[in-house]
Amino acid sequence: MSAFAAALSALFADPNIGRDAVYIANGGVSVPVRVVARRADAITDFGDARLWSETTRIDLRVTEVPNPRPGDRIEIGGDAFLIQGEPVRDRERLVWTLDLRPA
Protein backbone atom coordinates (compact mmCIF):
# COMPACT_ATOMS: atom_id res chain seq x y z
CA MET A 1 0.00 0.00 0.00
CA SER A 2 1.38 3.40 -0.96
CA ALA A 3 1.75 6.20 1.56
CA PHE A 4 -1.02 8.10 -0.21
CA ALA A 5 -3.39 5.11 0.00
CA ALA A 6 -2.59 4.70 3.70
CA ALA A 7 -3.31 8.38 4.35
CA LEU A 8 -6.64 8.09 2.51
CA SER A 9 -7.60 5.06 4.58
CA ALA A 10 -6.87 7.03 7.75
CA LEU A 11 -9.04 9.94 6.55
CA PHE A 12 -11.97 7.71 5.65
CA ALA A 13 -11.67 5.91 9.02
CA ASP A 14 -11.60 9.18 11.01
CA PRO A 15 -15.02 9.60 12.71
CA ASN A 16 -14.85 13.37 12.19
CA ILE A 17 -14.38 13.10 8.42
CA GLY A 18 -15.68 9.75 7.18
CA ARG A 19 -19.23 8.52 7.57
CA ASP A 20 -20.87 5.13 7.39
CA ALA A 21 -23.09 4.66 4.35
CA VAL A 22 -24.71 1.92 2.31
CA TYR A 23 -24.11 1.52 -1.42
CA ILE A 24 -26.78 -0.30 -3.42
CA ALA A 25 -26.09 -1.06 -7.06
CA ASN A 26 -29.14 -0.80 -9.33
CA GLY A 27 -30.86 -4.12 -8.67
CA GLY A 28 -28.01 -5.32 -6.45
CA VAL A 29 -27.28 -6.01 -2.82
CA SER A 30 -26.41 -3.56 -0.05
CA VAL A 31 -22.71 -2.96 0.65
CA PRO A 32 -21.57 -1.05 3.76
CA VAL A 33 -19.02 1.64 2.83
CA ARG A 34 -17.29 4.69 4.28
CA VAL A 35 -17.73 8.02 2.51
CA VAL A 36 -16.52 11.59 2.87
CA ALA A 37 -19.43 13.95 2.25
CA ARG A 38 -18.94 17.32 0.57
CA ARG A 39 -22.16 19.31 0.60
CA ALA A 40 -21.03 22.52 -0.99
CA ASP A 41 -23.13 25.15 -2.72
CA ALA A 42 -22.63 25.62 -6.45
CA ILE A 43 -22.99 28.82 -8.45
CA THR A 44 -23.60 28.36 -12.15
CA ASP A 45 -23.57 31.12 -14.76
CA PHE A 46 -26.49 30.98 -17.19
CA GLY A 47 -26.38 33.91 -19.59
CA ASP A 48 -26.49 37.04 -17.42
CA ALA A 49 -27.91 35.15 -14.46
CA ARG A 50 -26.07 33.35 -11.69
CA LEU A 51 -27.91 30.36 -10.27
CA TRP A 52 -27.28 29.07 -6.76
CA SER A 53 -27.95 25.46 -5.87
CA GLU A 54 -27.12 23.05 -3.09
CA THR A 55 -25.05 20.09 -4.16
CA THR A 56 -24.28 16.79 -2.54
CA ARG A 57 -21.04 15.15 -3.53
CA ILE A 58 -19.25 12.34 -1.81
CA ASP A 59 -15.89 10.67 -2.07
CA LEU A 60 -15.94 6.87 -2.10
CA ARG A 61 -12.96 4.51 -2.16
CA VAL A 62 -12.45 2.51 -5.35
CA THR A 63 -11.51 -0.53 -3.23
CA GLU A 64 -15.02 -0.56 -1.74
CA VAL A 65 -16.97 0.10 -4.96
CA PRO A 66 -14.97 -0.57 -8.13
CA ASN A 67 -17.62 0.54 -10.63
CA PRO A 68 -20.37 2.91 -9.40
CA ARG A 69 -22.95 3.84 -12.05
CA PRO A 70 -25.56 6.56 -12.47
CA GLY A 71 -28.81 5.43 -10.87
CA ASP A 72 -27.11 3.45 -8.10
CA ARG A 73 -28.25 4.35 -4.59
CA ILE A 74 -26.33 5.67 -1.58
CA GLU A 75 -27.88 5.87 1.89
CA ILE A 76 -26.21 8.14 4.44
CA GLY A 77 -27.66 8.53 7.92
CA GLY A 78 -31.19 7.66 6.84
CA ASP A 79 -31.12 9.90 3.74
CA ALA A 80 -31.27 8.22 0.34
CA PHE A 81 -29.53 9.56 -2.77
CA LEU A 82 -29.10 8.47 -6.38
CA ILE A 83 -25.87 8.90 -8.32
CA GLN A 84 -26.35 11.35 -11.15
CA GLY A 85 -23.84 11.88 -13.92
CA GLU A 86 -20.70 9.86 -14.45
CA PRO A 87 -18.52 9.15 -11.41
CA VAL A 88 -15.02 10.64 -11.63
CA ARG A 89 -11.84 9.08 -10.20
CA ASP A 90 -8.97 11.06 -8.74
CA ARG A 91 -5.55 11.17 -10.38
CA GLU A 92 -4.25 8.34 -8.21
CA ARG A 93 -7.28 6.17 -9.16
CA LEU A 94 -8.09 5.56 -5.47
CA VAL A 95 -11.24 7.63 -4.89
CA TRP A 96 -14.48 8.17 -6.80
CA THR A 97 -16.22 11.54 -6.58
CA LEU A 98 -19.98 11.07 -6.98
CA ASP A 99 -22.59 13.74 -7.63
CA LEU A 100 -25.82 12.80 -5.83
CA ARG A 101 -29.46 13.85 -5.89
CA PRO A 102 -32.16 12.98 -3.37
CA ALA A 103 -33.92 9.69 -4.14
PDB file of N, CA and C in Angstrom:
ATOM      1  N   MET A   1       0.849  -1.168   0.000  1.00  0.00           N
ATOM      2  CA  MET A   1       0.000   0.000   0.000  1.00  0.00           C
ATOM      3  C   MET A   1       0.895   1.232   0.000  1.00  0.00           C
ATOM      4  N   SER A   2       0.599   2.173  -0.887  1.00  0.00           N
ATOM      5  CA  SER A   2       1.382   3.398  -0.961  1.00  0.00           C
ATOM      6  C   SER A   2       1.082   4.289   0.238  1.00  0.00           C
ATOM      7  N   ALA A   3       1.947   5.248   0.467  1.00  0.00           N
ATOM      8  CA  ALA A   3       1.754   6.196   1.565  1.00  0.00           C
ATOM      9  C   ALA A   3       0.474   6.997   1.351  1.00  0.00           C
ATOM     10  N   PHE A   4       0.194   7.336   0.103  1.00  0.00           N
ATOM     11  CA  PHE A   4      -1.017   8.099  -0.207  1.00  0.00           C
ATOM     12  C   PHE A   4      -2.261   7.272   0.101  1.00  0.00           C
ATOM     13  N   ALA A   5      -2.261   5.994  -0.280  1.00  0.00           N
ATOM     14  CA  ALA A   5      -3.392   5.110   0.000  1.00  0.00           C
ATOM     15  C   ALA A   5      -3.582   4.930   1.503  1.00  0.00           C
ATOM     16  N   ALA A   6      -2.508   4.831   2.245  1.00  0.00           N
ATOM     17  CA  ALA A   6      -2.592   4.697   3.699  1.00  0.00           C
ATOM     18  C   ALA A   6      -3.180   5.956   4.330  1.00  0.00           C
ATOM     19  N   ALA A   7      -2.770   7.114   3.839  1.00  0.00           N
ATOM     20  CA  ALA A   7      -3.310   8.377   4.346  1.00  0.00           C
ATOM     21  C   ALA A   7      -4.805   8.483   4.050  1.00  0.00           C
ATOM     22  N   LEU A   8      -5.214   8.075   2.857  1.00  0.00           N
ATOM     23  CA  LEU A   8      -6.635   8.092   2.507  1.00  0.00           C
ATOM     24  C   LEU A   8      -7.437   7.166   3.411  1.00  0.00           C
ATOM     25  N   SER A   9      -6.908   5.998   3.691  1.00  0.00           N
ATOM     26  CA  SER A   9      -7.598   5.065   4.576  1.00  0.00           C
ATOM     27  C   SER A   9      -7.777   5.667   5.960  1.00  0.00           C
ATOM     28  N   ALA A  10      -6.775   6.369   6.441  1.00  0.00           N
ATOM     29  CA  ALA A  10      -6.872   7.028   7.749  1.00  0.00           C
ATOM     30  C   ALA A  10      -7.944   8.120   7.736  1.00  0.00           C
ATOM     31  N   LEU A  11      -8.024   8.886   6.651  1.00  0.00           N
ATOM     32  CA  LEU A  11      -9.036   9.941   6.554  1.00  0.00           C
ATOM     33  C   LEU A  11     -10.446   9.357   6.524  1.00  0.00           C
ATOM     34  N   PHE A  12     -10.649   8.324   5.733  1.00  0.00           N
ATOM     35  CA  PHE A  12     -11.968   7.711   5.655  1.00  0.00           C
ATOM     36  C   PHE A  12     -12.356   7.072   6.981  1.00  0.00           C
ATOM     37  N   ALA A  13     -11.395   6.551   7.736  1.00  0.00           N
ATOM     38  CA  ALA A  13     -11.671   5.910   9.019  1.00  0.00           C
ATOM     39  C   ALA A  13     -11.930   6.919  10.132  1.00  0.00           C
ATOM     40  N   ASP A  14     -11.437   8.145   9.979  1.00  0.00           N
ATOM     41  CA  ASP A  14     -11.595   9.177  11.007  1.00  0.00           C
ATOM     42  C   ASP A  14     -13.082   9.472  11.222  1.00  0.00           C
ATOM     43  N   PRO A  15     -13.588   9.367  12.461  1.00  0.00           N
ATOM     44  CA  PRO A  15     -15.017   9.598  12.706  1.00  0.00           C
ATOM     45  C   PRO A  15     -15.453  11.043  12.487  1.00  0.00           C
ATOM     46  N   ASN A  16     -14.512  11.977  12.446  1.00  0.00           N
ATOM     47  CA  ASN A  16     -14.849  13.371  12.193  1.00  0.00           C
ATOM     48  C   ASN A  16     -14.934  13.697  10.706  1.00  0.00           C
ATOM     49  N   ILE A  17     -14.411  12.836   9.865  1.00  0.00           N
ATOM     50  CA  ILE A  17     -14.378  13.096   8.420  1.00  0.00           C
ATOM     51  C   ILE A  17     -15.228  12.075   7.662  1.00  0.00           C
ATOM     52  N   GLY A  18     -14.954  10.807   7.881  1.00  0.00           N
ATOM     53  CA  GLY A  18     -15.677   9.747   7.177  1.00  0.00           C
ATOM     54  C   GLY A  18     -16.995   9.424   7.848  1.00  0.00           C
ATOM     55  N   ARG A  19     -17.927   8.913   7.049  1.00  0.00           N
ATOM     56  CA  ARG A  19     -19.235   8.523   7.575  1.00  0.00           C
ATOM     57  C   ARG A  19     -19.601   7.147   7.051  1.00  0.00           C
ATOM     58  N   ASP A  20     -20.347   6.409   7.847  1.00  0.00           N
ATOM     59  CA  ASP A  20     -20.868   5.132   7.391  1.00  0.00           C
ATOM     60  C   ASP A  20     -22.000   5.380   6.401  1.00  0.00           C
ATOM     61  N   ALA A  21     -22.046   4.564   5.367  1.00  0.00           N
ATOM     62  CA  ALA A  21     -23.086   4.665   4.354  1.00  0.00           C
ATOM     63  C   ALA A  21     -23.352   3.270   3.806  1.00  0.00           C
ATOM     64  N   VAL A  22     -24.372   3.180   2.976  1.00  0.00           N
ATOM     65  CA  VAL A  22     -24.710   1.925   2.309  1.00  0.00           C
ATOM     66  C   VAL A  22     -24.793   2.212   0.820  1.00  0.00           C
ATOM     67  N   TYR A  23     -24.081   1.411   0.036  1.00  0.00           N
ATOM     68  CA  TYR A  23     -24.111   1.516  -1.421  1.00  0.00           C
ATOM     69  C   TYR A  23     -24.967   0.378  -1.955  1.00  0.00           C
ATOM     70  N   ILE A  24     -25.909   0.711  -2.832  1.00  0.00           N
ATOM     71  CA  ILE A  24     -26.784  -0.302  -3.419  1.00  0.00           C
ATOM     72  C   ILE A  24     -26.749  -0.132  -4.931  1.00  0.00           C
ATOM     73  N   ALA A  25     -26.122  -1.084  -5.607  1.00  0.00           N
ATOM     74  CA  ALA A  25     -26.093  -1.055  -7.064  1.00  0.00           C
ATOM     75  C   ALA A  25     -27.512  -1.242  -7.576  1.00  0.00           C
ATOM     76  N   ASN A  26     -27.812  -0.682  -8.730  1.00  0.00           N
ATOM     77  CA  ASN A  26     -29.136  -0.797  -9.326  1.00  0.00           C
ATOM     78  C   ASN A  26     -29.506  -2.272  -9.469  1.00  0.00           C
ATOM     79  N   GLY A  27     -30.446  -2.723  -8.647  1.00  0.00           N
ATOM     80  CA  GLY A  27     -30.857  -4.120  -8.670  1.00  0.00           C
ATOM     81  C   GLY A  27     -29.934  -5.049  -7.910  1.00  0.00           C
ATOM     82  N   GLY A  28     -28.992  -4.491  -7.139  1.00  0.00           N
ATOM     83  CA  GLY A  28     -28.012  -5.318  -6.447  1.00  0.00           C
ATOM     84  C   GLY A  28     -28.236  -5.388  -4.952  1.00  0.00           C
ATOM     85  N   VAL A  29     -27.219  -5.848  -4.270  1.00  0.00           N
ATOM     86  CA  VAL A  29     -27.276  -6.005  -2.821  1.00  0.00           C
ATOM     87  C   VAL A  29     -26.638  -4.800  -2.127  1.00  0.00           C
ATOM     88  N   SER A  30     -26.951  -4.643  -0.856  1.00  0.00           N
ATOM     89  CA  SER A  30     -26.407  -3.556  -0.051  1.00  0.00           C
ATOM     90  C   SER A  30     -24.969  -3.848   0.341  1.00  0.00           C
ATOM     91  N   VAL A  31     -24.109  -2.827   0.257  1.00  0.00           N
ATOM     92  CA  VAL A  31     -22.712  -2.960   0.647  1.00  0.00           C
ATOM     93  C   VAL A  31     -22.390  -1.824   1.620  1.00  0.00           C
ATOM     94  N   PRO A  32     -21.969  -2.129   2.856  1.00  0.00           N
ATOM     95  CA  PRO A  32     -21.568  -1.052   3.765  1.00  0.00           C
ATOM     96  C   PRO A  32     -20.261  -0.427   3.286  1.00  0.00           C
ATOM     97  N   VAL A  33     -20.201   0.901   3.289  1.00  0.00           N
ATOM     98  CA  VAL A  33     -19.022   1.637   2.829  1.00  0.00           C
ATOM     99  C   VAL A  33     -18.769   2.815   3.759  1.00  0.00           C
ATOM    100  N   ARG A  34     -17.606   3.417   3.615  1.00  0.00           N
ATOM    101  CA  ARG A  34     -17.288   4.692   4.284  1.00  0.00           C
ATOM    102  C   ARG A  34     -17.194   5.752   3.206  1.00  0.00           C
ATOM    103  N   VAL A  35     -17.751   6.932   3.475  1.00  0.00           N
ATOM    104  CA  VAL A  35     -17.730   8.023   2.511  1.00  0.00           C
ATOM    105  C   VAL A  35     -17.272   9.304   3.199  1.00  0.00           C
ATOM    106  N   VAL A  36     -16.798  10.235   2.400  1.00  0.00           N
ATOM    107  CA  VAL A  36     -16.524  11.590   2.870  1.00  0.00           C
ATOM    108  C   VAL A  36     -17.491  12.490   2.124  1.00  0.00           C
ATOM    109  N   ALA A  37     -18.407  13.115   2.862  1.00  0.00           N
ATOM    110  CA  ALA A  37     -19.435  13.952   2.253  1.00  0.00           C
ATOM    111  C   ALA A  37     -18.915  15.359   2.044  1.00  0.00           C
ATOM    112  N   ARG A  38     -19.269  15.919   0.880  1.00  0.00           N
ATOM    113  CA  ARG A  38     -18.941  17.320   0.567  1.00  0.00           C
ATOM    114  C   ARG A  38     -20.224  17.968   0.084  1.00  0.00           C
ATOM    115  N   ARG A  39     -20.881  18.676   0.957  1.00  0.00           N
ATOM    116  CA  ARG A  39     -22.159  19.310   0.599  1.00  0.00           C
ATOM    117  C   ARG A  39     -21.930  20.803   0.416  1.00  0.00           C
ATOM    118  N   ALA A  40     -21.347  21.130  -0.696  1.00  0.00           N
ATOM    119  CA  ALA A  40     -21.032  22.524  -0.988  1.00  0.00           C
ATOM    120  C   ALA A  40     -22.122  23.139  -1.866  1.00  0.00           C
ATOM    121  N   ASP A  41     -22.236  24.450  -1.822  1.00  0.00           N
ATOM    122  CA  ASP A  41     -23.129  25.153  -2.719  1.00  0.00           C
ATOM    123  C   ASP A  41     -22.420  25.362  -4.049  1.00  0.00           C
ATOM    124  N   ALA A  42     -23.193  25.399  -5.118  1.00  0.00           N
ATOM    125  CA  ALA A  42     -22.625  25.624  -6.451  1.00  0.00           C
ATOM    126  C   ALA A  42     -23.281  26.849  -7.065  1.00  0.00           C
ATOM    127  N   ILE A  43     -22.478  27.668  -7.712  1.00  0.00           N
ATOM    128  CA  ILE A  43     -22.989  28.822  -8.447  1.00  0.00           C
ATOM    129  C   ILE A  43     -22.677  28.594  -9.909  1.00  0.00           C
ATOM    130  N   THR A  44     -23.733  28.627 -10.729  1.00  0.00           N
ATOM    131  CA  THR A  44     -23.601  28.359 -12.148  1.00  0.00           C
ATOM    132  C   THR A  44     -24.028  29.588 -12.923  1.00  0.00           C
ATOM    133  N   ASP A  45     -23.205  29.999 -13.886  1.00  0.00           N
ATOM    134  CA  ASP A  45     -23.571  31.115 -14.757  1.00  0.00           C
ATOM    135  C   ASP A  45     -24.461  30.604 -15.875  1.00  0.00           C
ATOM    136  N   PHE A  46     -25.562  31.319 -16.110  1.00  0.00           N
ATOM    137  CA  PHE A  46     -26.486  30.982 -17.187  1.00  0.00           C
ATOM    138  C   PHE A  46     -26.869  32.296 -17.858  1.00  0.00           C
ATOM    139  N   GLY A  47     -26.184  32.610 -18.953  1.00  0.00           N
ATOM    140  CA  GLY A  47     -26.384  33.913 -19.588  1.00  0.00           C
ATOM    141  C   GLY A  47     -25.928  35.003 -18.638  1.00  0.00           C
ATOM    142  N   ASP A  48     -26.803  35.951 -18.363  1.00  0.00           N
ATOM    143  CA  ASP A  48     -26.488  37.037 -17.424  1.00  0.00           C
ATOM    144  C   ASP A  48     -26.864  36.694 -15.990  1.00  0.00           C
ATOM    145  N   ALA A  49     -27.464  35.540 -15.794  1.00  0.00           N
ATOM    146  CA  ALA A  49     -27.908  35.145 -14.460  1.00  0.00           C
ATOM    147  C   ALA A  49     -26.883  34.235 -13.803  1.00  0.00           C
ATOM    148  N   ARG A  50     -26.876  34.277 -12.482  1.00  0.00           N
ATOM    149  CA  ARG A  50     -26.065  33.353 -11.693  1.00  0.00           C
ATOM    150  C   ARG A  50     -27.033  32.557 -10.832  1.00  0.00           C
ATOM    151  N   LEU A  51     -27.001  31.236 -10.985  1.00  0.00           N
ATOM    152  CA  LEU A  51     -27.911  30.361 -10.269  1.00  0.00           C
ATOM    153  C   LEU A  51     -27.189  29.697  -9.111  1.00  0.00           C
ATOM    154  N   TRP A  52     -27.821  29.707  -7.950  1.00  0.00           N
ATOM    155  CA  TRP A  52     -27.276  29.073  -6.755  1.00  0.00           C
ATOM    156  C   TRP A  52     -28.026  27.771  -6.518  1.00  0.00           C
ATOM    157  N   SER A  53     -27.302  26.722  -6.197  1.00  0.00           N
ATOM    158  CA  SER A  53     -27.953  25.460  -5.869  1.00  0.00           C
ATOM    159  C   SER A  53     -27.111  24.701  -4.845  1.00  0.00           C
ATOM    160  N   GLU A  54     -27.807  23.933  -4.021  1.00  0.00           N
ATOM    161  CA  GLU A  54     -27.119  23.053  -3.085  1.00  0.00           C
ATOM    162  C   GLU A  54     -26.677  21.813  -3.845  1.00  0.00           C
ATOM    163  N   THR A  55     -25.515  21.315  -3.528  1.00  0.00           N
ATOM    164  CA  THR A  55     -25.053  20.089  -4.156  1.00  0.00           C
ATOM    165  C   THR A  55     -24.683  19.088  -3.071  1.00  0.00           C
ATOM    166  N   THR A  56     -24.749  17.839  -3.428  1.00  0.00           N
ATOM    167  CA  THR A  56     -24.284  16.787  -2.538  1.00  0.00           C
ATOM    168  C   THR A  56     -23.309  15.935  -3.331  1.00  0.00           C
ATOM    169  N   ARG A  57     -22.072  15.980  -2.921  1.00  0.00           N
ATOM    170  CA  ARG A  57     -21.036  15.154  -3.530  1.00  0.00           C
ATOM    171  C   ARG A  57     -20.386  14.354  -2.418  1.00  0.00           C
ATOM    172  N   ILE A  58     -19.971  13.156  -2.777  1.00  0.00           N
ATOM    173  CA  ILE A  58     -19.253  12.336  -1.808  1.00  0.00           C
ATOM    174  C   ILE A  58     -18.018  11.753  -2.469  1.00  0.00           C
ATOM    175  N   ASP A  59     -17.057  11.430  -1.643  1.00  0.00           N
ATOM    176  CA  ASP A  59     -15.892  10.668  -2.071  1.00  0.00           C
ATOM    177  C   ASP A  59     -16.081   9.245  -1.548  1.00  0.00           C
ATOM    178  N   LEU A  60     -15.754   8.281  -2.399  1.00  0.00           N
ATOM    179  CA  LEU A  60     -15.944   6.868  -2.101  1.00  0.00           C
ATOM    180  C   LEU A  60     -14.720   6.117  -2.593  1.00  0.00           C
ATOM    181  N   ARG A  61     -14.177   5.237  -1.768  1.00  0.00           N
ATOM    182  CA  ARG A  61     -12.960   4.515  -2.160  1.00  0.00           C
ATOM    183  C   ARG A  61     -13.235   3.496  -3.264  1.00  0.00           C
ATOM    184  N   VAL A  62     -12.350   3.452  -4.240  1.00  0.00           N
ATOM    185  CA  VAL A  62     -12.450   2.508  -5.353  1.00  0.00           C
ATOM    186  C   VAL A  62     -12.375   1.074  -4.847  1.00  0.00           C
ATOM    187  N   THR A  63     -11.617   0.831  -3.771  1.00  0.00           N
ATOM    188  CA  THR A  63     -11.508  -0.535  -3.235  1.00  0.00           C
ATOM    189  C   THR A  63     -12.842  -1.045  -2.706  1.00  0.00           C
ATOM    190  N   GLU A  64     -13.722  -0.143  -2.271  1.00  0.00           N
ATOM    191  CA  GLU A  64     -15.022  -0.561  -1.743  1.00  0.00           C
ATOM    192  C   GLU A  64     -16.070  -0.728  -2.849  1.00  0.00           C
ATOM    193  N   VAL A  65     -16.032   0.162  -3.841  1.00  0.00           N
ATOM    194  CA  VAL A  65     -16.973   0.101  -4.958  1.00  0.00           C
ATOM    195  C   VAL A  65     -16.174   0.339  -6.237  1.00  0.00           C
ATOM    196  N   PRO A  66     -15.823  -0.723  -6.954  1.00  0.00           N
ATOM    197  CA  PRO A  66     -14.969  -0.566  -8.128  1.00  0.00           C
ATOM    198  C   PRO A  66     -15.637   0.083  -9.332  1.00  0.00           C
ATOM    199  N   ASN A  67     -16.976   0.023  -9.422  1.00  0.00           N
ATOM    200  CA  ASN A  67     -17.619   0.542 -10.626  1.00  0.00           C
ATOM    201  C   ASN A  67     -18.999   1.138 -10.332  1.00  0.00           C
ATOM    202  N   PRO A  68     -19.068   2.291  -9.645  1.00  0.00           N
ATOM    203  CA  PRO A  68     -20.372   2.909  -9.404  1.00  0.00           C
ATOM    204  C   PRO A  68     -20.959   3.438 -10.714  1.00  0.00           C
ATOM    205  N   ARG A  69     -22.276   3.418 -10.826  1.00  0.00           N
ATOM    206  CA  ARG A  69     -22.947   3.835 -12.052  1.00  0.00           C
ATOM    207  C   ARG A  69     -24.073   4.808 -11.733  1.00  0.00           C
ATOM    208  N   PRO A  70     -24.399   5.698 -12.663  1.00  0.00           N
ATOM    209  CA  PRO A  70     -25.565   6.563 -12.473  1.00  0.00           C
ATOM    210  C   PRO A  70     -26.815   5.720 -12.207  1.00  0.00           C
ATOM    211  N   GLY A  71     -27.613   6.168 -11.246  1.00  0.00           N
ATOM    212  CA  GLY A  71     -28.814   5.432 -10.867  1.00  0.00           C
ATOM    213  C   GLY A  71     -28.624   4.527  -9.668  1.00  0.00           C
ATOM    214  N   ASP A  72     -27.357   4.226  -9.318  1.00  0.00           N
ATOM    215  CA  ASP A  72     -27.111   3.452  -8.104  1.00  0.00           C
ATOM    216  C   ASP A  72     -27.475   4.312  -6.900  1.00  0.00           C
ATOM    217  N   ARG A  73     -27.738   3.674  -5.783  1.00  0.00           N
ATOM    218  CA  ARG A  73     -28.251   4.348  -4.589  1.00  0.00           C
ATOM    219  C   ARG A  73     -27.204   4.376  -3.482  1.00  0.00           C
ATOM    220  N   ILE A  74     -27.175   5.504  -2.758  1.00  0.00           N
ATOM    221  CA  ILE A  74     -26.326   5.671  -1.575  1.00  0.00           C
ATOM    222  C   ILE A  74     -27.236   6.121  -0.433  1.00  0.00           C
ATOM    223  N   GLU A  75     -27.125   5.459   0.710  1.00  0.00           N
ATOM    224  CA  GLU A  75     -27.875   5.867   1.895  1.00  0.00           C
ATOM    225  C   GLU A  75     -26.897   6.305   2.959  1.00  0.00           C
ATOM    226  N   ILE A  76     -27.091   7.542   3.435  1.00  0.00           N
ATOM    227  CA  ILE A  76     -26.212   8.135   4.443  1.00  0.00           C
ATOM    228  C   ILE A  76     -27.081   8.650   5.580  1.00  0.00           C
ATOM    229  N   GLY A  77     -26.926   8.061   6.739  1.00  0.00           N
ATOM    230  CA  GLY A  77     -27.656   8.528   7.921  1.00  0.00           C
ATOM    231  C   GLY A  77     -29.154   8.619   7.725  1.00  0.00           C
ATOM    232  N   GLY A  78     -29.750   7.666   7.045  1.00  0.00           N
ATOM    233  CA  GLY A  78     -31.192   7.665   6.843  1.00  0.00           C
ATOM    234  C   GLY A  78     -31.664   8.434   5.616  1.00  0.00           C
ATOM    235  N   ASP A  79     -30.773   9.181   4.967  1.00  0.00           N
ATOM    236  CA  ASP A  79     -31.120   9.901   3.743  1.00  0.00           C
ATOM    237  C   ASP A  79     -30.695   9.077   2.541  1.00  0.00           C
ATOM    238  N   ALA A  80     -31.553   9.009   1.537  1.00  0.00           N
ATOM    239  CA  ALA A  80     -31.273   8.224   0.341  1.00  0.00           C
ATOM    240  C   ALA A  80     -30.971   9.151  -0.831  1.00  0.00           C
ATOM    241  N   PHE A  81     -29.958   8.783  -1.616  1.00  0.00           N
ATOM    242  CA  PHE A  81     -29.533   9.562  -2.772  1.00  0.00           C
ATOM    243  C   PHE A  81     -29.314   8.632  -3.954  1.00  0.00           C
ATOM    244  N   LEU A  82     -29.440   9.183  -5.157  1.00  0.00           N
ATOM    245  CA  LEU A  82     -29.100   8.467  -6.379  1.00  0.00           C
ATOM    246  C   LEU A  82     -27.893   9.136  -7.017  1.00  0.00           C
ATOM    247  N   ILE A  83     -27.020   8.337  -7.602  1.00  0.00           N
ATOM    248  CA  ILE A  83     -25.871   8.895  -8.317  1.00  0.00           C
ATOM    249  C   ILE A  83     -26.390   9.488  -9.614  1.00  0.00           C
ATOM    250  N   GLN A  84     -25.993  10.731  -9.878  1.00  0.00           N
ATOM    251  CA  GLN A  84     -26.349  11.353 -11.151  1.00  0.00           C
ATOM    252  C   GLN A  84     -25.062  11.737 -11.863  1.00  0.00           C
ATOM    253  N   GLY A  85     -25.049  11.603 -13.152  1.00  0.00           N
ATOM    254  CA  GLY A  85     -23.838  11.883 -13.919  1.00  0.00           C
ATOM    255  C   GLY A  85     -22.820  10.766 -13.746  1.00  0.00           C
ATOM    256  N   GLU A  86     -21.762  10.876 -14.496  1.00  0.00           N
ATOM    257  CA  GLU A  86     -20.705   9.862 -14.454  1.00  0.00           C
ATOM    258  C   GLU A  86     -19.783  10.084 -13.258  1.00  0.00           C
ATOM    259  N   PRO A  87     -19.505   9.045 -12.490  1.00  0.00           N
ATOM    260  CA  PRO A  87     -18.523   9.149 -11.407  1.00  0.00           C
ATOM    261  C   PRO A  87     -17.140   9.479 -11.970  1.00  0.00           C
ATOM    262  N   VAL A  88     -16.356  10.213 -11.199  1.00  0.00           N
ATOM    263  CA  VAL A  88     -15.024  10.638 -11.627  1.00  0.00           C
ATOM    264  C   VAL A  88     -14.001  10.143 -10.606  1.00  0.00           C
ATOM    265  N   ARG A  89     -12.910   9.542 -11.101  1.00  0.00           N
ATOM    266  CA  ARG A  89     -11.842   9.082 -10.203  1.00  0.00           C
ATOM    267  C   ARG A  89     -10.762  10.144 -10.087  1.00  0.00           C
ATOM    268  N   ASP A  90     -10.082  10.131  -8.952  1.00  0.00           N
ATOM    269  CA  ASP A  90      -8.975  11.060  -8.743  1.00  0.00           C
ATOM    270  C   ASP A  90      -7.764  10.614  -9.569  1.00  0.00           C
ATOM    271  N   ARG A  91      -6.749  11.437  -9.583  1.00  0.00           N
ATOM    272  CA  ARG A  91      -5.552  11.169 -10.384  1.00  0.00           C
ATOM    273  C   ARG A  91      -4.844   9.882  -9.990  1.00  0.00           C
ATOM    274  N   GLU A  92      -4.899   9.561  -8.708  1.00  0.00           N
ATOM    275  CA  GLU A  92      -4.246   8.341  -8.213  1.00  0.00           C
ATOM    276  C   GLU A  92      -5.103   7.093  -8.432  1.00  0.00           C
ATOM    277  N   ARG A  93      -6.341   7.274  -8.894  1.00  0.00           N
ATOM    278  CA  ARG A  93      -7.281   6.168  -9.158  1.00  0.00           C
ATOM    279  C   ARG A  93      -7.665   5.424  -7.874  1.00  0.00           C
ATOM    280  N   LEU A  94      -7.752   6.162  -6.758  1.00  0.00           N
ATOM    281  CA  LEU A  94      -8.088   5.558  -5.472  1.00  0.00           C
ATOM    282  C   LEU A  94      -9.474   5.949  -4.965  1.00  0.00           C
ATOM    283  N   VAL A  95      -9.998   7.082  -5.433  1.00  0.00           N
ATOM    284  CA  VAL A  95     -11.238   7.634  -4.893  1.00  0.00           C
ATOM    285  C   VAL A  95     -12.172   8.058  -6.029  1.00  0.00           C
ATOM    286  N   TRP A  96     -13.436   7.680  -5.905  1.00  0.00           N
ATOM    287  CA  TRP A  96     -14.479   8.174  -6.798  1.00  0.00           C
ATOM    288  C   TRP A  96     -15.076   9.433  -6.182  1.00  0.00           C
ATOM    289  N   THR A  97     -15.407  10.415  -6.997  1.00  0.00           N
ATOM    290  CA  THR A  97     -16.223  11.537  -6.575  1.00  0.00           C
ATOM    291  C   THR A  97     -17.573  11.359  -7.270  1.00  0.00           C
ATOM    292  N   LEU A  98     -18.637  11.325  -6.470  1.00  0.00           N
ATOM    293  CA  LEU A  98     -19.980  11.075  -6.978  1.00  0.00           C
ATOM    294  C   LEU A  98     -20.848  12.284  -6.738  1.00  0.00           C
ATOM    295  N   ASP A  99     -21.607  12.673  -7.738  1.00  0.00           N
ATOM    296  CA  ASP A  99     -22.592  13.739  -7.632  1.00  0.00           C
ATOM    297  C   ASP A  99     -23.929  13.068  -7.346  1.00  0.00           C
ATOM    298  N   LEU A 100     -24.589  13.466  -6.271  1.00  0.00           N
ATOM    299  CA  LEU A 100     -25.818  12.802  -5.828  1.00  0.00           C
ATOM    300  C   LEU A 100     -27.011  13.742  -5.905  1.00  0.00           C
ATOM    301  N   ARG A 101     -28.187  13.127  -6.011  1.00  0.00           N
ATOM    302  CA  ARG A 101     -29.457  13.852  -5.890  1.00  0.00           C
ATOM    303  C   ARG A 101     -30.350  13.046  -4.974  1.00  0.00           C
ATOM    304  N   PRO A 102     -31.276  13.730  -4.270  1.00  0.00           N
ATOM    305  CA  PRO A 102     -32.157  12.977  -3.370  1.00  0.00           C
ATOM    306  C   PRO A 102     -32.952  11.929  -4.133  1.00  0.00           C
ATOM    307  N   ALA A 103     -33.169  10.781  -3.497  1.00  0.00           N
ATOM    308  CA  ALA A 103     -33.923   9.694  -4.135  1.00  0.00           C
ATOM    309  C   ALA A 103     -35.405   9.886  -3.927  1.00  0.00           C
TER     310      ALA A 103
END
